[in-house]
N, C-alpha and C. Protein backbone atom coordinates (compact mmCIF):
# COMPACT_ATOMS: atom_id res chain seq x y z
N MET A 1 -95.13 151.57 48.63
CA MET A 1 -96.21 151.91 48.18
C MET A 1 -96.63 151.13 47.04
N GLU A 2 -97.59 151.75 46.17
CA GLU A 2 -98.37 150.52 45.19
C GLU A 2 -97.78 151.18 43.98
N ARG A 3 -97.30 150.65 42.91
CA ARG A 3 -96.91 151.73 41.90
C ARG A 3 -98.13 151.27 41.04
N GLN A 4 -98.04 152.47 39.39
CA GLN A 4 -98.97 152.51 38.76
C GLN A 4 -98.65 151.62 38.13
N GLN A 5 -99.74 151.23 37.00
CA GLN A 5 -99.11 150.43 35.71
C GLN A 5 -98.55 150.79 34.90
N PRO A 6 -97.49 150.78 34.17
CA PRO A 6 -96.73 150.99 33.52
C PRO A 6 -97.82 151.69 31.96
N ILE A 7 -97.67 152.73 31.59
CA ILE A 7 -98.18 153.19 30.08
C ILE A 7 -97.87 152.27 28.70
N GLY A 8 -97.87 151.74 28.26
CA GLY A 8 -97.44 150.71 26.87
C GLY A 8 -97.94 150.51 25.82
N PRO A 9 -97.40 150.17 24.49
CA PRO A 9 -97.99 149.88 23.52
C PRO A 9 -99.76 149.81 23.64
N GLY A 10 -100.29 150.02 22.61
CA GLY A 10 -101.77 149.78 22.50
C GLY A 10 -102.34 149.97 23.93
N ASP A 11 -101.73 150.12 24.70
CA ASP A 11 -102.91 150.78 26.07
C ASP A 11 -103.50 151.20 25.76
N GLN A 12 -105.04 151.46 26.46
CA GLN A 12 -105.86 152.47 26.34
C GLN A 12 -106.43 153.40 27.77
N LEU A 13 -105.91 154.62 28.05
CA LEU A 13 -106.45 154.97 28.82
C LEU A 13 -107.64 155.56 29.07
N PRO A 14 -108.29 155.89 30.66
CA PRO A 14 -109.34 155.95 31.24
C PRO A 14 -110.09 157.05 30.45
N ALA A 15 -110.98 157.41 30.25
CA ALA A 15 -111.82 158.12 29.16
C ALA A 15 -111.32 160.09 29.87
N ALA A 16 -111.33 160.90 29.18
CA ALA A 16 -110.66 161.93 29.21
C ALA A 16 -111.63 162.70 30.03
N GLY A 17 -111.00 163.55 30.89
CA GLY A 17 -111.39 164.11 32.05
C GLY A 17 -111.43 163.62 33.48
N SER A 18 -111.39 162.07 33.50
CA SER A 18 -111.34 161.42 34.49
C SER A 18 -110.21 161.63 35.33
N ARG A 19 -110.35 161.44 36.49
CA ARG A 19 -109.59 162.26 37.60
C ARG A 19 -108.29 160.66 37.74
N GLU A 20 -108.31 159.93 37.50
CA GLU A 20 -107.13 158.78 37.11
C GLU A 20 -106.49 159.16 36.28
N SER A 21 -106.97 159.05 34.62
CA SER A 21 -105.98 159.35 33.79
C SER A 21 -105.14 161.25 33.85
N THR A 22 -105.58 161.57 34.50
CA THR A 22 -105.23 163.08 34.78
C THR A 22 -103.40 162.80 35.62
N VAL A 23 -104.20 162.31 36.97
CA VAL A 23 -102.99 162.12 37.69
C VAL A 23 -101.75 161.00 37.45
N GLU A 24 -102.26 159.95 36.20
CA GLU A 24 -101.37 159.55 36.17
C GLU A 24 -100.28 159.67 34.94
N LEU A 25 -101.18 160.51 33.90
CA LEU A 25 -99.96 161.69 32.71
C LEU A 25 -99.16 162.62 33.80
N VAL A 26 -100.45 163.65 34.47
CA VAL A 26 -98.91 164.24 35.18
C VAL A 26 -98.02 163.67 35.92
N HIS A 27 -98.44 162.52 36.25
CA HIS A 27 -97.32 161.79 37.21
C HIS A 27 -96.61 161.31 36.43
N LEU A 28 -96.33 160.70 34.74
CA LEU A 28 -95.22 160.37 33.99
C LEU A 28 -94.80 161.58 33.63
N PHE A 29 -95.30 162.82 33.65
CA PHE A 29 -95.10 163.83 33.00
C PHE A 29 -93.64 164.06 33.64
N ASP A 30 -93.98 164.15 35.09
CA ASP A 30 -93.02 164.74 36.11
C ASP A 30 -91.85 164.42 36.26
N LYS A 31 -91.52 162.66 35.88
CA LYS A 31 -91.08 161.82 35.96
C LYS A 31 -89.98 162.14 34.53
N PHE A 32 -90.27 162.26 33.15
CA PHE A 32 -89.74 162.73 32.83
C PHE A 32 -89.16 164.30 33.04
N LYS A 33 -89.77 164.94 32.96
CA LYS A 33 -89.29 166.45 33.72
C LYS A 33 -87.70 166.31 34.73
N ALA A 34 -87.69 165.62 35.57
CA ALA A 34 -86.73 165.24 36.79
C ALA A 34 -85.45 164.62 35.73
N VAL A 35 -85.21 164.04 35.16
CA VAL A 35 -84.54 163.26 34.59
C VAL A 35 -83.20 164.29 34.00
N ARG A 36 -82.09 163.81 34.70
CA ARG A 36 -81.16 164.60 34.16
C ARG A 36 -79.80 163.59 33.63
N ALA A 37 -80.26 162.11 33.69
CA ALA A 37 -79.13 160.80 32.99
C ALA A 37 -79.74 159.68 32.83
N ILE A 38 -79.16 159.42 31.81
CA ILE A 38 -79.53 158.12 31.20
C ILE A 38 -78.98 156.76 31.69
N VAL A 39 -79.78 155.74 32.15
CA VAL A 39 -78.45 155.14 32.53
C VAL A 39 -78.86 153.38 31.79
N LEU A 40 -78.30 152.32 31.20
CA LEU A 40 -78.95 151.97 30.12
C LEU A 40 -78.34 150.26 30.39
N ASP A 41 -79.25 149.66 30.17
CA ASP A 41 -77.80 147.50 29.93
C ASP A 41 -78.36 148.05 28.29
N VAL A 42 -77.37 146.95 28.06
CA VAL A 42 -76.49 146.96 26.79
C VAL A 42 -77.70 145.56 26.25
N ASP A 43 -77.35 144.47 26.20
CA ASP A 43 -78.17 143.41 25.53
C ASP A 43 -79.59 143.22 25.69
N GLY A 44 -80.62 143.30 25.08
CA GLY A 44 -81.64 143.58 25.40
C GLY A 44 -82.34 145.25 24.98
N VAL A 45 -81.27 145.73 25.52
CA VAL A 45 -81.54 147.15 24.87
C VAL A 45 -81.25 147.96 24.07
N MET A 46 -79.82 148.08 24.12
CA MET A 46 -79.17 148.91 22.58
C MET A 46 -79.00 147.39 21.71
N THR A 47 -78.98 146.11 22.00
CA THR A 47 -79.65 144.78 20.92
C THR A 47 -80.58 144.75 21.05
N ASP A 48 -80.43 143.70 19.92
CA ASP A 48 -81.92 143.24 19.85
C ASP A 48 -81.53 141.88 20.82
N ASN A 49 -80.88 141.63 21.37
CA ASN A 49 -80.91 140.47 22.49
C ASN A 49 -80.27 139.37 21.94
N SER A 50 -79.78 139.19 20.59
CA SER A 50 -79.38 137.88 20.19
C SER A 50 -77.77 137.98 19.96
N VAL A 51 -76.77 137.13 20.28
CA VAL A 51 -75.69 137.04 19.78
C VAL A 51 -75.20 136.14 18.67
N HIS A 52 -74.45 136.91 17.45
CA HIS A 52 -73.94 135.86 16.52
C HIS A 52 -72.46 135.53 16.99
N VAL A 53 -72.70 133.83 16.91
CA VAL A 53 -70.98 133.39 17.28
C VAL A 53 -70.77 133.01 15.94
N THR A 54 -69.32 133.42 15.87
CA THR A 54 -68.17 133.17 14.93
C THR A 54 -67.51 132.08 14.88
N GLU A 55 -67.49 131.62 14.25
CA GLU A 55 -66.64 129.50 14.17
C GLU A 55 -65.07 129.73 15.59
N SER A 56 -64.96 131.63 15.48
CA SER A 56 -63.31 131.34 16.30
C SER A 56 -64.31 131.90 17.71
N GLY A 57 -65.70 132.14 17.37
CA GLY A 57 -65.97 132.17 19.18
C GLY A 57 -66.36 133.61 19.40
N GLU A 58 -65.73 134.42 18.28
CA GLU A 58 -66.49 135.70 19.18
C GLU A 58 -68.15 136.10 18.58
N GLN A 59 -68.27 136.74 19.42
CA GLN A 59 -69.36 137.21 19.90
C GLN A 59 -69.51 138.78 19.08
N LEU A 60 -70.85 138.75 18.03
CA LEU A 60 -70.88 139.92 17.07
C LEU A 60 -72.35 140.49 17.37
N ARG A 61 -72.70 141.69 18.31
CA ARG A 61 -73.77 141.81 18.93
C ARG A 61 -74.43 142.94 17.53
N ARG A 62 -75.38 143.48 17.20
CA ARG A 62 -75.66 144.40 16.15
C ARG A 62 -76.91 145.32 17.36
N MET A 63 -76.52 146.66 16.44
CA MET A 63 -76.83 148.10 17.39
C MET A 63 -77.60 149.02 17.02
N SER A 64 -78.48 149.88 16.89
CA SER A 64 -79.32 150.63 15.95
C SER A 64 -78.49 151.89 16.04
N ILE A 65 -78.38 152.72 15.07
CA ILE A 65 -77.63 154.10 14.69
C ILE A 65 -78.81 154.97 15.50
N ARG A 66 -80.11 154.46 15.49
CA ARG A 66 -80.67 155.87 16.05
C ARG A 66 -79.96 156.02 17.57
N ASP A 67 -80.38 155.06 18.43
CA ASP A 67 -79.89 154.67 19.53
C ASP A 67 -78.67 155.95 19.79
N GLY A 68 -77.39 155.37 18.81
CA GLY A 68 -76.23 156.45 19.20
C GLY A 68 -76.50 157.42 18.65
N LEU A 69 -77.18 158.30 17.75
CA LEU A 69 -77.53 159.58 17.80
C LEU A 69 -78.33 159.85 18.37
N GLY A 70 -79.28 159.76 19.41
CA GLY A 70 -79.98 159.89 20.26
C GLY A 70 -79.39 160.27 21.46
N LEU A 71 -78.52 158.83 21.99
CA LEU A 71 -77.17 159.27 23.49
C LEU A 71 -76.66 161.10 23.27
N LYS A 72 -76.06 160.64 21.70
CA LYS A 72 -75.28 161.34 20.97
C LYS A 72 -75.82 162.82 21.58
N ILE A 73 -76.75 162.99 21.14
CA ILE A 73 -77.51 164.29 21.67
C ILE A 73 -77.86 164.68 23.18
N ALA A 74 -78.50 163.80 23.54
CA ALA A 74 -78.45 163.79 25.24
C ALA A 74 -77.19 163.95 26.20
N LEU A 75 -75.88 163.82 25.76
CA LEU A 75 -75.09 164.32 25.69
C LEU A 75 -74.14 165.82 25.59
N GLN A 76 -74.80 166.25 24.24
CA GLN A 76 -74.79 167.44 23.83
C GLN A 76 -75.27 168.15 24.60
N ASN A 77 -76.53 167.98 24.73
CA ASN A 77 -77.32 169.10 26.16
C ASN A 77 -77.48 168.44 27.46
N ASP A 78 -76.04 167.80 27.74
CA ASP A 78 -75.92 167.97 28.81
C ASP A 78 -76.06 166.93 30.02
N PHE A 79 -76.98 166.13 29.32
CA PHE A 79 -76.90 164.93 29.75
C PHE A 79 -75.69 163.46 30.12
N GLN A 80 -75.85 163.44 31.62
CA GLN A 80 -74.86 162.55 31.75
C GLN A 80 -75.81 160.67 31.30
N ALA A 81 -74.36 160.09 30.84
CA ALA A 81 -75.00 158.58 30.53
C ALA A 81 -73.94 157.21 30.72
N CYS A 82 -74.61 156.58 31.03
CA CYS A 82 -74.36 155.28 31.86
C CYS A 82 -74.22 153.71 31.16
N ILE A 83 -73.14 153.22 31.33
CA ILE A 83 -73.72 151.67 30.65
C ILE A 83 -73.71 150.82 31.62
N ILE A 84 -74.65 149.78 32.35
CA ILE A 84 -74.18 148.88 33.17
C ILE A 84 -74.49 147.73 32.51
N THR A 85 -73.72 146.92 32.44
CA THR A 85 -74.14 145.53 31.43
C THR A 85 -73.05 144.32 31.41
N GLY A 86 -73.99 143.15 32.15
CA GLY A 86 -72.94 142.13 32.39
C GLY A 86 -72.36 141.53 31.55
N GLY A 87 -72.30 141.97 30.07
CA GLY A 87 -71.49 141.43 28.60
C GLY A 87 -70.00 141.78 28.56
N ARG A 88 -69.32 141.64 27.91
CA ARG A 88 -67.62 141.89 27.97
C ARG A 88 -67.36 142.24 26.92
N SER A 89 -67.95 142.84 26.05
CA SER A 89 -67.86 143.03 24.52
C SER A 89 -66.97 144.37 24.10
N GLN A 90 -65.64 143.76 23.71
CA GLN A 90 -64.72 145.35 23.42
C GLN A 90 -65.64 145.82 22.52
N GLY A 91 -66.10 145.23 21.66
CA GLY A 91 -66.80 145.79 20.42
C GLY A 91 -67.84 146.86 20.34
N VAL A 92 -68.42 146.46 21.86
CA VAL A 92 -69.67 147.73 22.33
C VAL A 92 -69.03 148.65 22.90
N ILE A 93 -68.09 147.97 24.06
CA ILE A 93 -67.47 148.93 24.41
C ILE A 93 -66.86 150.44 23.53
N LYS A 94 -66.41 150.00 22.48
CA LYS A 94 -65.66 150.63 21.19
C LYS A 94 -66.83 151.79 21.23
N ARG A 95 -67.88 150.83 20.58
CA ARG A 95 -69.03 151.33 19.81
C ARG A 95 -69.53 152.74 21.16
N LEU A 96 -69.45 152.30 21.98
CA LEU A 96 -70.13 153.46 23.38
C LEU A 96 -68.97 154.99 23.32
N ALA A 97 -68.12 154.09 23.98
CA ALA A 97 -67.07 155.11 23.69
C ALA A 97 -66.82 155.63 22.70
N GLY A 98 -66.89 155.29 21.50
CA GLY A 98 -67.19 156.51 20.41
C GLY A 98 -67.99 157.30 20.40
N LEU A 99 -69.16 156.95 20.82
CA LEU A 99 -70.34 157.86 21.03
C LEU A 99 -70.08 159.18 21.90
N GLY A 100 -69.01 158.75 22.73
CA GLY A 100 -68.66 160.04 23.62
C GLY A 100 -70.07 159.46 25.41
N ILE A 101 -69.62 158.44 25.51
CA ILE A 101 -70.06 157.78 26.85
C ILE A 101 -68.65 158.02 27.75
N GLU A 102 -68.60 158.22 28.95
CA GLU A 102 -67.75 157.84 29.69
C GLU A 102 -67.62 156.68 30.53
N HIS A 103 -68.86 156.51 30.98
CA HIS A 103 -68.96 156.04 32.59
C HIS A 103 -69.57 154.87 31.71
N ILE A 104 -69.11 153.86 31.36
CA ILE A 104 -68.81 152.13 30.65
C ILE A 104 -68.19 151.09 31.33
N TYR A 105 -69.62 150.16 32.56
CA TYR A 105 -69.09 149.15 33.02
C TYR A 105 -69.51 147.78 32.96
N THR A 106 -68.14 146.72 32.26
CA THR A 106 -68.52 145.85 31.99
C THR A 106 -68.47 144.66 32.61
N GLY A 107 -68.98 143.65 32.67
CA GLY A 107 -69.16 142.44 32.95
C GLY A 107 -69.76 142.69 34.52
N VAL A 108 -70.33 143.00 34.87
CA VAL A 108 -71.42 143.50 36.33
C VAL A 108 -72.05 142.29 36.56
N GLU A 109 -71.83 141.54 37.61
CA GLU A 109 -73.18 140.36 37.43
C GLU A 109 -74.12 141.24 38.44
N ASP A 110 -73.87 142.19 39.83
CA ASP A 110 -74.66 143.20 40.35
C ASP A 110 -74.46 144.27 40.28
N LYS A 111 -75.40 145.04 39.42
CA LYS A 111 -75.43 146.28 39.15
C LYS A 111 -75.60 147.32 40.14
N TRP A 112 -76.40 146.90 41.33
CA TRP A 112 -76.72 147.83 42.00
C TRP A 112 -75.41 148.79 42.51
N PRO A 113 -74.10 148.11 43.13
CA PRO A 113 -73.08 148.44 43.42
C PRO A 113 -72.76 149.93 42.64
N VAL A 114 -72.48 149.33 41.55
CA VAL A 114 -72.34 150.10 40.18
C VAL A 114 -72.75 151.28 39.82
N PHE A 115 -74.41 151.31 40.24
CA PHE A 115 -74.94 152.05 40.08
C PHE A 115 -75.19 152.95 41.42
N LEU A 116 -74.87 152.75 42.17
CA LEU A 116 -74.74 153.55 43.49
C LEU A 116 -73.18 154.32 43.26
N GLN A 117 -72.32 153.38 42.80
CA GLN A 117 -70.61 154.20 42.18
C GLN A 117 -70.94 155.56 40.96
N PHE A 118 -71.93 155.23 40.44
CA PHE A 118 -71.94 156.53 39.26
C PHE A 118 -72.82 157.59 39.51
N LEU A 119 -73.82 156.90 40.32
CA LEU A 119 -74.70 158.34 41.51
C LEU A 119 -73.67 159.32 41.74
N GLN A 120 -72.54 158.72 43.08
CA GLN A 120 -71.73 159.60 43.79
C GLN A 120 -70.88 160.16 42.88
N LEU A 121 -70.32 159.54 41.59
CA LEU A 121 -69.37 159.94 41.13
C LEU A 121 -69.92 161.11 40.14
N THR A 122 -71.33 161.29 39.82
CA THR A 122 -72.25 162.24 39.38
C THR A 122 -72.73 163.35 39.81
N ASN A 123 -72.21 163.20 41.17
CA ASN A 123 -73.22 163.67 42.39
C ASN A 123 -74.61 163.97 42.26
N LEU A 124 -75.66 162.99 41.25
CA LEU A 124 -77.08 162.76 41.07
C LEU A 124 -77.68 162.03 42.20
N GLN A 125 -78.83 162.36 42.22
CA GLN A 125 -79.81 161.33 42.62
C GLN A 125 -80.59 160.77 42.45
N ALA A 126 -81.04 159.06 42.20
CA ALA A 126 -81.70 158.18 41.83
C ALA A 126 -83.12 158.79 41.35
N SER A 127 -83.73 159.83 41.45
CA SER A 127 -84.84 160.18 41.17
C SER A 127 -84.33 161.20 40.13
N GLU A 128 -83.28 161.44 39.45
CA GLU A 128 -82.81 162.37 38.58
C GLU A 128 -82.18 161.13 37.36
N ILE A 129 -82.76 159.79 37.33
CA ILE A 129 -82.21 158.93 36.85
C ILE A 129 -83.20 158.58 35.64
N CYS A 130 -83.12 158.24 34.53
CA CYS A 130 -84.04 157.61 33.97
C CYS A 130 -83.34 155.75 33.36
N TYR A 131 -83.14 154.92 33.98
CA TYR A 131 -82.82 153.60 33.75
C TYR A 131 -84.16 152.90 32.50
N MET A 132 -83.13 152.40 31.66
CA MET A 132 -84.11 150.82 30.86
C MET A 132 -83.05 150.05 30.55
N GLY A 133 -83.97 149.00 31.45
CA GLY A 133 -83.28 147.60 31.12
C GLY A 133 -84.73 146.90 30.53
N ASP A 134 -84.15 145.57 30.62
CA ASP A 134 -85.33 144.48 29.24
C ASP A 134 -85.66 143.42 30.25
N ASP A 135 -84.38 142.89 32.05
CA ASP A 135 -84.49 141.46 31.85
C ASP A 135 -84.19 141.28 33.32
N LEU A 136 -84.26 140.06 33.86
CA LEU A 136 -84.32 140.26 35.66
C LEU A 136 -83.07 141.12 36.48
N PRO A 137 -82.22 141.16 35.92
CA PRO A 137 -81.09 141.66 36.81
C PRO A 137 -81.10 143.34 36.49
N ASP A 138 -81.95 143.69 36.01
CA ASP A 138 -82.73 145.14 35.91
C ASP A 138 -83.57 145.34 36.65
N LEU A 139 -84.04 144.52 37.73
CA LEU A 139 -84.99 144.83 38.47
C LEU A 139 -85.33 145.85 39.47
N HIS A 140 -83.77 145.50 40.65
CA HIS A 140 -83.62 146.17 41.90
C HIS A 140 -83.23 147.70 41.34
N ILE A 141 -82.54 148.00 40.10
CA ILE A 141 -81.99 149.73 40.16
C ILE A 141 -83.79 150.26 38.99
N LEU A 142 -84.57 149.48 38.59
CA LEU A 142 -86.17 150.18 37.98
C LEU A 142 -86.85 150.34 39.35
N GLN A 143 -86.60 149.50 40.04
CA GLN A 143 -87.31 150.29 41.39
C GLN A 143 -86.77 151.12 41.96
N LYS A 144 -85.73 151.71 41.73
CA LYS A 144 -85.62 152.92 42.59
C LYS A 144 -84.77 154.08 41.82
N VAL A 145 -84.90 153.69 40.84
CA VAL A 145 -84.94 155.25 39.81
C VAL A 145 -86.29 156.27 39.65
N GLY A 146 -86.10 157.64 39.20
CA GLY A 146 -86.56 158.13 39.44
C GLY A 146 -88.13 157.97 38.10
N LEU A 147 -87.21 157.36 36.98
CA LEU A 147 -87.86 157.02 35.44
C LEU A 147 -87.57 156.08 35.19
N SER A 148 -88.01 154.66 35.55
CA SER A 148 -87.89 153.57 35.04
C SER A 148 -88.78 153.06 33.45
N ALA A 149 -87.38 152.18 32.77
CA ALA A 149 -88.16 152.09 31.12
C ALA A 149 -87.94 150.92 30.83
N CYS A 150 -88.56 150.65 30.10
CA CYS A 150 -88.06 148.99 29.29
C CYS A 150 -88.51 148.99 27.44
N PRO A 151 -87.29 148.45 26.58
CA PRO A 151 -88.16 148.35 25.58
C PRO A 151 -89.15 147.29 25.31
N ALA A 152 -90.26 147.26 24.13
CA ALA A 152 -91.47 146.31 23.70
C ALA A 152 -91.66 144.75 24.41
N ASP A 153 -90.16 144.48 23.73
CA ASP A 153 -89.95 143.10 24.61
C ASP A 153 -89.58 142.36 25.62
N ALA A 154 -89.04 143.80 26.41
CA ALA A 154 -88.58 143.19 27.74
C ALA A 154 -89.48 141.80 28.43
N VAL A 155 -88.88 140.88 29.78
CA VAL A 155 -89.56 140.04 30.21
C VAL A 155 -90.47 140.93 30.74
N PRO A 156 -91.67 139.90 31.45
CA PRO A 156 -92.80 140.46 31.77
C PRO A 156 -92.53 140.74 32.84
N GLU A 157 -91.92 140.53 34.13
CA GLU A 157 -91.61 141.01 35.04
C GLU A 157 -91.08 142.36 34.86
N VAL A 158 -90.28 143.14 34.31
CA VAL A 158 -89.93 144.32 33.55
C VAL A 158 -90.97 145.20 33.37
N ARG A 159 -91.95 144.05 32.38
CA ARG A 159 -93.00 145.71 31.53
C ARG A 159 -93.91 145.66 33.15
N LEU A 160 -93.89 144.42 34.04
CA LEU A 160 -94.65 145.12 34.90
C LEU A 160 -94.79 145.97 35.81
N LEU A 161 -93.47 146.47 35.71
CA LEU A 161 -92.49 147.07 37.16
C LEU A 161 -92.39 148.68 36.98
N VAL A 162 -92.28 148.62 35.47
CA VAL A 162 -91.73 150.08 34.59
C VAL A 162 -92.91 150.95 34.42
N ASP A 163 -92.28 152.75 34.45
CA ASP A 163 -93.22 153.48 34.50
C ASP A 163 -93.58 153.77 32.81
N TYR A 164 -92.46 153.27 31.83
CA TYR A 164 -92.57 153.93 30.67
C TYR A 164 -92.71 152.18 30.10
N ILE A 165 -93.50 152.11 28.97
CA ILE A 165 -93.07 150.74 28.20
C ILE A 165 -92.80 151.29 26.38
N SER A 166 -91.35 151.44 26.10
CA SER A 166 -91.01 151.84 24.63
C SER A 166 -91.99 150.92 23.60
N PRO A 167 -92.97 151.35 22.67
CA PRO A 167 -93.73 150.75 21.79
C PRO A 167 -92.53 149.89 20.87
N ILE A 168 -91.38 150.28 21.06
CA ILE A 168 -89.76 149.57 20.04
C ILE A 168 -89.30 148.70 20.66
N ALA A 169 -89.15 147.66 20.05
CA ALA A 169 -88.17 146.65 20.81
C ALA A 169 -86.53 147.23 20.96
N GLY A 170 -85.99 146.11 21.70
CA GLY A 170 -84.86 146.13 22.19
C GLY A 170 -83.88 146.48 20.76
N GLY A 171 -83.00 147.41 20.90
CA GLY A 171 -81.94 147.14 20.05
C GLY A 171 -82.39 147.41 18.16
N HIS A 172 -83.78 148.16 18.37
CA HIS A 172 -84.28 148.75 17.64
C HIS A 172 -85.01 150.32 17.69
N GLY A 173 -84.40 150.99 18.16
CA GLY A 173 -84.20 152.82 18.42
C GLY A 173 -85.39 152.52 19.81
N CYS A 174 -85.40 151.79 20.65
CA CYS A 174 -86.09 152.02 22.27
C CYS A 174 -85.22 153.03 23.15
N VAL A 175 -84.08 152.90 22.91
CA VAL A 175 -83.12 153.79 23.54
C VAL A 175 -83.81 155.46 23.30
N ARG A 176 -83.69 155.54 21.57
CA ARG A 176 -83.67 156.84 21.18
C ARG A 176 -84.96 157.44 21.42
N ASP A 177 -86.25 156.36 21.69
CA ASP A 177 -87.32 156.77 21.69
C ASP A 177 -87.38 157.07 23.23
N VAL A 178 -86.90 157.01 23.71
CA VAL A 178 -86.89 157.24 25.90
C VAL A 178 -86.25 158.11 25.48
N VAL A 179 -84.89 158.79 24.92
CA VAL A 179 -84.25 159.66 25.04
C VAL A 179 -85.44 160.81 24.59
N GLU A 180 -85.38 160.88 23.27
CA GLU A 180 -86.19 161.56 22.33
C GLU A 180 -87.01 162.63 23.24
N LYS A 181 -88.18 161.45 24.05
CA LYS A 181 -89.12 161.95 24.91
C LYS A 181 -88.91 162.70 26.23
N VAL A 182 -88.08 162.56 26.68
CA VAL A 182 -87.34 162.86 28.23
C VAL A 182 -86.53 164.31 27.51
N LEU A 183 -85.73 164.61 26.44
CA LEU A 183 -85.27 165.59 25.98
C LEU A 183 -86.98 166.59 25.44
N LYS A 184 -88.06 166.06 24.71
CA LYS A 184 -88.59 167.02 24.60
C LYS A 184 -89.34 167.57 25.07
N VAL A 185 -89.35 166.78 26.45
CA VAL A 185 -90.66 167.21 27.69
C VAL A 185 -90.15 168.11 28.17
N GLN A 186 -88.41 167.93 27.98
CA GLN A 186 -87.54 169.27 28.94
C GLN A 186 -87.38 170.38 28.07
N GLY A 187 -87.88 170.22 26.96
CA GLY A 187 -87.94 171.37 26.19
C GLY A 187 -86.17 171.48 25.78
N ARG A 188 -85.35 170.78 25.33
CA ARG A 188 -83.46 170.64 25.20
C ARG A 188 -83.78 169.52 23.96
N TRP A 189 -84.56 169.37 23.70
CA TRP A 189 -84.19 168.06 21.95
C TRP A 189 -83.50 169.66 20.92
N LYS A 190 -82.24 169.56 20.96
CA LYS A 190 -81.63 170.63 20.08
C LYS A 190 -80.60 169.50 19.94
N PHE A 191 -80.06 169.77 18.19
CA PHE A 191 -79.28 169.74 17.53
C PHE A 191 -78.21 170.05 16.46
């Protein structure tokens, strides 16, 4: 099945009234409406994809407060949230757990089996998941979920594959952008 090109920042939509633009926007709207859970990568999505290394070797990451609030609002509105990352930062784990996220998987090389485990634990279908990733380890899951998304600065292979490209870079509020759109489309943006 051929995937439609993602809608991204600066993209020109086909002329109003054209069948192609109507079908594409309705299709994307339906994908946002079907989401029941948000699954995220960390580095490059929740962080700006950089690591500050201290003299003692500690690795520090920067995260957006807006992303955190968006996730808290999603959880308060009965959405599930899950983190699947190759990183192992204890600081990241503490931050995410502090937001109320229960499903946090770190040190993951192959994300697919962990994703399937999350689906099984939550009785959700892949079609009900919004997955946001930014790099090659995310491609397999991005191909299988109901709504695939990435930050504006994701690698080209990811940007070519996803349904939605946030106009915001990783670590600067792209998660909040997607969460807010999902909740608003569903009429559930309540805080």
